[in-house]
Amino acid sequence: MMRALWSASSGMQAQQLNVDIISNNLANVNTTGFKKSRAEFKDLLYEVVKRPSVY
């Protein structure tokens, strides 16, 4: 049961990071010199790995 909750939680956090990046890109679309950001798998994996595990 805990593994399923952890899996769901990590998926939601990855999607939240993706939404945050997209919203930042949209907010700055007209800013001079702004370069878009992208969420890559290694970034999402790092977010999961750096958190302490609780069992």
PDB file of N, CA and C in Angstrom:
ATOM      1  N   MET A   1       0.823  -1.200   0.000  1.00  0.00           N
ATOM      2  CA  MET A   1       0.000   0.000   0.000  1.00  0.00           C
ATOM      3  C   MET A   1       0.862   1.258   0.000  1.00  0.00           C
ATOM      4  N   MET A   2       1.904   1.277   0.836  1.00  0.00           N
ATOM      5  CA  MET A   2       2.765   2.458   0.910  1.00  0.00           C
ATOM      6  C   MET A   2       3.509   2.686  -0.402  1.00  0.00           C
ATOM      7  N   ARG A   3       3.898   1.607  -1.065  1.00  0.00           N
ATOM      8  CA  ARG A   3       4.594   1.738  -2.343  1.00  0.00           C
ATOM      9  C   ARG A   3       3.682   2.387  -3.385  1.00  0.00           C
ATOM     10  N   ALA A   4       2.413   2.029  -3.382  1.00  0.00           N
ATOM     11  CA  ALA A   4       1.459   2.622  -4.322  1.00  0.00           C
ATOM     12  C   ALA A   4       1.271   4.109  -4.039  1.00  0.00           C
ATOM     13  N   LEU A   5       1.185   4.465  -2.767  1.00  0.00           N
ATOM     14  CA  LEU A   5       1.052   5.880  -2.410  1.00  0.00           C
ATOM     15  C   LEU A   5       2.305   6.660  -2.773  1.00  0.00           C
ATOM     16  N   TRP A   6       3.472   6.077  -2.544  1.00  0.00           N
ATOM     17  CA  TRP A   6       4.723   6.743  -2.897  1.00  0.00           C
ATOM     18  C   TRP A   6       4.811   6.935  -4.401  1.00  0.00           C
ATOM     19  N   SER A   7       4.410   5.927  -5.149  1.00  0.00           N
ATOM     20  CA  SER A   7       4.437   6.006  -6.605  1.00  0.00           C
ATOM     21  C   SER A   7       3.491   7.099  -7.102  1.00  0.00           C
ATOM     22  N   ALA A   8       2.304   7.160  -6.546  1.00  0.00           N
ATOM     23  CA  ALA A   8       1.348   8.198  -6.924  1.00  0.00           C
ATOM     24  C   ALA A   8       1.869   9.577  -6.549  1.00  0.00           C
ATOM     25  N   SER A   9       2.459   9.686  -5.380  1.00  0.00           N
ATOM     26  CA  SER A   9       3.001  10.963  -4.921  1.00  0.00           C
ATOM     27  C   SER A   9       4.131  11.446  -5.816  1.00  0.00           C
ATOM     28  N   SER A  10       5.038  10.570  -6.165  1.00  0.00           N
ATOM     29  CA  SER A  10       6.160  10.981  -7.012  1.00  0.00           C
ATOM     30  C   SER A  10       5.675  11.368  -8.402  1.00  0.00           C
ATOM     31  N   GLY A  11       4.656  10.695  -8.907  1.00  0.00           N
ATOM     32  CA  GLY A  11       4.082  11.063 -10.200  1.00  0.00           C
ATOM     33  C   GLY A  11       3.440  12.433 -10.170  1.00  0.00           C
ATOM     34  N   MET A  12       2.719  12.723  -9.090  1.00  0.00           N
ATOM     35  CA  MET A  12       2.092  14.040  -8.958  1.00  0.00           C
ATOM     36  C   MET A  12       3.136  15.140  -8.820  1.00  0.00           C
ATOM     37  N   GLN A  13       4.210  14.875  -8.095  1.00  0.00           N
ATOM     38  CA  GLN A  13       5.262  15.875  -7.945  1.00  0.00           C
ATOM     39  C   GLN A  13       5.965  16.137  -9.265  1.00  0.00           C
ATOM     40  N   ALA A  14       6.177  15.100 -10.063  1.00  0.00           N
ATOM     41  CA  ALA A  14       6.799  15.271 -11.372  1.00  0.00           C
ATOM     42  C   ALA A  14       5.902  16.107 -12.280  1.00  0.00           C
ATOM     43  N   GLN A  15       4.606  15.844 -12.250  1.00  0.00           N
ATOM     44  CA  GLN A  15       3.685  16.624 -13.068  1.00  0.00           C
ATOM     45  C   GLN A  15       3.605  18.069 -12.580  1.00  0.00           C
ATOM     46  N   GLN A  16       3.675  18.281 -11.280  1.00  0.00           N
ATOM     47  CA  GLN A  16       3.653  19.643 -10.744  1.00  0.00           C
ATOM     48  C   GLN A  16       4.875  20.420 -11.201  1.00  0.00           C
ATOM     49  N   LEU A  17       6.045  19.772 -11.208  1.00  0.00           N
ATOM     50  CA  LEU A  17       7.255  20.418 -11.706  1.00  0.00           C
ATOM     51  C   LEU A  17       7.086  20.791 -13.168  1.00  0.00           C
ATOM     52  N   ASN A  18       6.497  19.908 -13.949  1.00  0.00           N
ATOM     53  CA  ASN A  18       6.262  20.173 -15.364  1.00  0.00           C
ATOM     54  C   ASN A  18       5.314  21.360 -15.547  1.00  0.00           C
ATOM     55  N   VAL A  19       4.234  21.421 -14.781  1.00  0.00           N
ATOM     56  CA  VAL A  19       3.284  22.529 -14.855  1.00  0.00           C
ATOM     57  C   VAL A  19       3.956  23.832 -14.433  1.00  0.00           C
ATOM     58  N   ASP A  20       4.790  23.794 -13.395  1.00  0.00           N
ATOM     59  CA  ASP A  20       5.505  24.992 -12.945  1.00  0.00           C
ATOM     60  C   ASP A  20       6.411  25.535 -14.043  1.00  0.00           C
ATOM     61  N   ILE A  21       7.108  24.663 -14.735  1.00  0.00           N
ATOM     62  CA  ILE A  21       8.015  25.089 -15.799  1.00  0.00           C
ATOM     63  C   ILE A  21       7.232  25.673 -16.967  1.00  0.00           C
ATOM     64  N   ILE A  22       6.138  25.027 -17.341  1.00  0.00           N
ATOM     65  CA  ILE A  22       5.315  25.531 -18.440  1.00  0.00           C
ATOM     66  C   ILE A  22       4.721  26.886 -18.093  1.00  0.00           C
ATOM     67  N   SER A  23       4.232  27.052 -16.867  1.00  0.00           N
ATOM     68  CA  SER A  23       3.649  28.336 -16.476  1.00  0.00           C
ATOM     69  C   SER A  23       4.702  29.436 -16.444  1.00  0.00           C
ATOM     70  N   ASN A  24       5.922  29.112 -16.036  1.00  0.00           N
ATOM     71  CA  ASN A  24       6.998  30.096 -16.064  1.00  0.00           C
ATOM     72  C   ASN A  24       7.317  30.496 -17.504  1.00  0.00           C
ATOM     73  N   ASN A  25       7.341  29.527 -18.408  1.00  0.00           N
ATOM     74  CA  ASN A  25       7.591  29.829 -19.812  1.00  0.00           C
ATOM     75  C   ASN A  25       6.500  30.735 -20.383  1.00  0.00           C
ATOM     76  N   LEU A  26       5.250  30.453 -20.055  1.00  0.00           N
ATOM     77  CA  LEU A  26       4.147  31.276 -20.554  1.00  0.00           C
ATOM     78  C   LEU A  26       4.178  32.681 -19.961  1.00  0.00           C
ATOM     79  N   ALA A  27       4.518  32.793 -18.694  1.00  0.00           N
ATOM     80  CA  ALA A  27       4.554  34.102 -18.044  1.00  0.00           C
ATOM     81  C   ALA A  27       5.645  34.991 -18.622  1.00  0.00           C
ATOM     82  N   ASN A  28       6.713  34.387 -19.129  1.00  0.00           N
ATOM     83  CA  ASN A  28       7.845  35.168 -19.618  1.00  0.00           C
ATOM     84  C   ASN A  28       7.991  35.146 -21.131  1.00  0.00           C
ATOM     85  N   VAL A  29       6.939  34.758 -21.841  1.00  0.00           N
ATOM     86  CA  VAL A  29       7.043  34.608 -23.293  1.00  0.00           C
ATOM     87  C   VAL A  29       7.408  35.928 -23.985  1.00  0.00           C
ATOM     88  N   ASN A  30       6.995  37.061 -23.447  1.00  0.00           N
ATOM     89  CA  ASN A  30       7.283  38.355 -24.068  1.00  0.00           C
ATOM     90  C   ASN A  30       8.480  39.067 -23.451  1.00  0.00           C
ATOM     91  N   THR A  31       9.189  38.421 -22.553  1.00  0.00           N
ATOM     92  CA  THR A  31      10.360  39.015 -21.919  1.00  0.00           C
ATOM     93  C   THR A  31      11.543  38.930 -22.877  1.00  0.00           C
ATOM     94  N   THR A  32      12.195  40.056 -23.091  1.00  0.00           N
ATOM     95  CA  THR A  32      13.338  40.099 -23.992  1.00  0.00           C
ATOM     96  C   THR A  32      14.472  39.245 -23.440  1.00  0.00           C
ATOM     97  N   GLY A  33      15.010  38.378 -24.275  1.00  0.00           N
ATOM     98  CA  GLY A  33      16.137  37.543 -23.897  1.00  0.00           C
ATOM     99  C   GLY A  33      15.782  36.304 -23.097  1.00  0.00           C
ATOM    100  N   PHE A  34      14.506  36.055 -22.885  1.00  0.00           N
ATOM    101  CA  PHE A  34      14.103  34.884 -22.099  1.00  0.00           C
ATOM    102  C   PHE A  34      14.292  33.616 -22.910  1.00  0.00           C
ATOM    103  N   LYS A  35      14.876  32.598 -22.283  1.00  0.00           N
ATOM    104  CA  LYS A  35      15.035  31.295 -22.926  1.00  0.00           C
ATOM    105  C   LYS A  35      14.152  30.295 -22.194  1.00  0.00           C
ATOM    106  N   LYS A  36      13.409  29.525 -22.955  1.00  0.00           N
ATOM    107  CA  LYS A  36      12.474  28.584 -22.339  1.00  0.00           C
ATOM    108  C   LYS A  36      13.203  27.502 -21.554  1.00  0.00           C
ATOM    109  N   SER A  37      12.514  26.969 -20.585  1.00  0.00           N
ATOM    110  CA  SER A  37      13.021  25.863 -19.778  1.00  0.00           C
ATOM    111  C   SER A  37      12.274  24.599 -20.171  1.00  0.00           C
ATOM    112  N   ARG A  38      12.893  23.461 -19.903  1.00  0.00           N
ATOM    113  CA  ARG A  38      12.257  22.169 -20.157  1.00  0.00           C
ATOM    114  C   ARG A  38      12.534  21.250 -18.986  1.00  0.00           C
ATOM    115  N   ALA A  39      11.542  20.460 -18.637  1.00  0.00           N
ATOM    116  CA  ALA A  39      11.734  19.433 -17.612  1.00  0.00           C
ATOM    117  C   ALA A  39      12.239  18.184 -18.316  1.00  0.00           C
ATOM    118  N   GLU A  40      13.371  17.695 -17.884  1.00  0.00           N
ATOM    119  CA  GLU A  40      13.928  16.484 -18.459  1.00  0.00           C
ATOM    120  C   GLU A  40      13.831  15.361 -17.438  1.00  0.00           C
ATOM    121  N   PHE A  41      13.885  14.136 -17.924  1.00  0.00           N
ATOM    122  CA  PHE A  41      13.743  12.982 -17.043  1.00  0.00           C
ATOM    123  C   PHE A  41      14.784  12.994 -15.938  1.00  0.00           C
ATOM    124  N   LYS A  42      16.018  13.391 -16.249  1.00  0.00           N
ATOM    125  CA  LYS A  42      17.055  13.388 -15.218  1.00  0.00           C
ATOM    126  C   LYS A  42      16.730  14.390 -14.112  1.00  0.00           C
ATOM    127  N   ASP A  43      16.076  15.518 -14.456  1.00  0.00           N
ATOM    128  CA  ASP A  43      15.661  16.475 -13.433  1.00  0.00           C
ATOM    129  C   ASP A  43      14.583  15.876 -12.542  1.00  0.00           C
ATOM    130  N   LEU A  44      13.633  15.198 -13.164  1.00  0.00           N
ATOM    131  CA  LEU A  44      12.555  14.580 -12.396  1.00  0.00           C
ATOM    132  C   LEU A  44      13.090  13.461 -11.519  1.00  0.00           C
ATOM    133  N   LEU A  45      14.033  12.687 -12.043  1.00  0.00           N
ATOM    134  CA  LEU A  45      14.637  11.601 -11.271  1.00  0.00           C
ATOM    135  C   LEU A  45      15.417  12.159 -10.088  1.00  0.00           C
ATOM    136  N   TYR A  46      16.145  13.255 -10.292  1.00  0.00           N
ATOM    137  CA  TYR A  46      16.903  13.873  -9.207  1.00  0.00           C
ATOM    138  C   TYR A  46      15.970  14.339  -8.095  1.00  0.00           C
ATOM    139  N   GLU A  47      14.816  14.896  -8.462  1.00  0.00           N
ATOM    140  CA  GLU A  47      13.854  15.346  -7.459  1.00  0.00           C
ATOM    141  C   GLU A  47      13.401  14.190  -6.576  1.00  0.00           C
ATOM    142  N   VAL A  48      13.247  13.009  -7.165  1.00  0.00           N
ATOM    143  CA  VAL A  48      12.800  11.841  -6.404  1.00  0.00           C
ATOM    144  C   VAL A  48      13.938  11.283  -5.559  1.00  0.00           C
ATOM    145  N   VAL A  49      15.146  11.228  -6.120  1.00  0.00           N
ATOM    146  CA  VAL A  49      16.280  10.606  -5.439  1.00  0.00           C
ATOM    147  C   VAL A  49      16.767  11.440  -4.262  1.00  0.00           C
ATOM    148  N   LYS A  50      16.721  12.757  -4.372  1.00  0.00           N
ATOM    149  CA  LYS A  50      17.287  13.596  -3.315  1.00  0.00           C
ATOM    150  C   LYS A  50      16.442  13.624  -2.047  1.00  0.00           C
ATOM    151  N   ARG A  51      15.163  13.218  -2.141  1.00  0.00           N
ATOM    152  CA  ARG A  51      14.307  13.207  -0.956  1.00  0.00           C
ATOM    153  C   ARG A  51      14.631  12.011  -0.074  1.00  0.00           C
ATOM    154  N   PRO A  52      14.614  12.178   1.230  1.00  0.00           N
ATOM    155  CA  PRO A  52      14.833  11.021   2.108  1.00  0.00           C
ATOM    156  C   PRO A  52      13.639  10.075   2.019  1.00  0.00           C
ATOM    157  N   SER A  53      13.921   8.799   2.018  1.00  0.00           N
ATOM    158  CA  SER A  53      12.829   7.826   1.936  1.00  0.00           C
ATOM    159  C   SER A  53      12.281   7.542   3.330  1.00  0.00           C
ATOM    160  N   VAL A  54      10.983   7.424   3.420  1.00  0.00           N
ATOM    161  CA  VAL A  54      10.316   7.144   4.689  1.00  0.00           C
ATOM    162  C   VAL A  54       9.523   5.859   4.514  1.00  0.00           C
ATOM    163  N   TYR A  55       9.879   4.834   5.299  1.00  0.00           N
ATOM    164  CA  TYR A  55       9.168   3.557   5.226  1.00  0.00           C
ATOM    165  C   TYR A  55       8.666   3.165   6.580  1.00  0.00           C
TER     166      TYR A  55
END
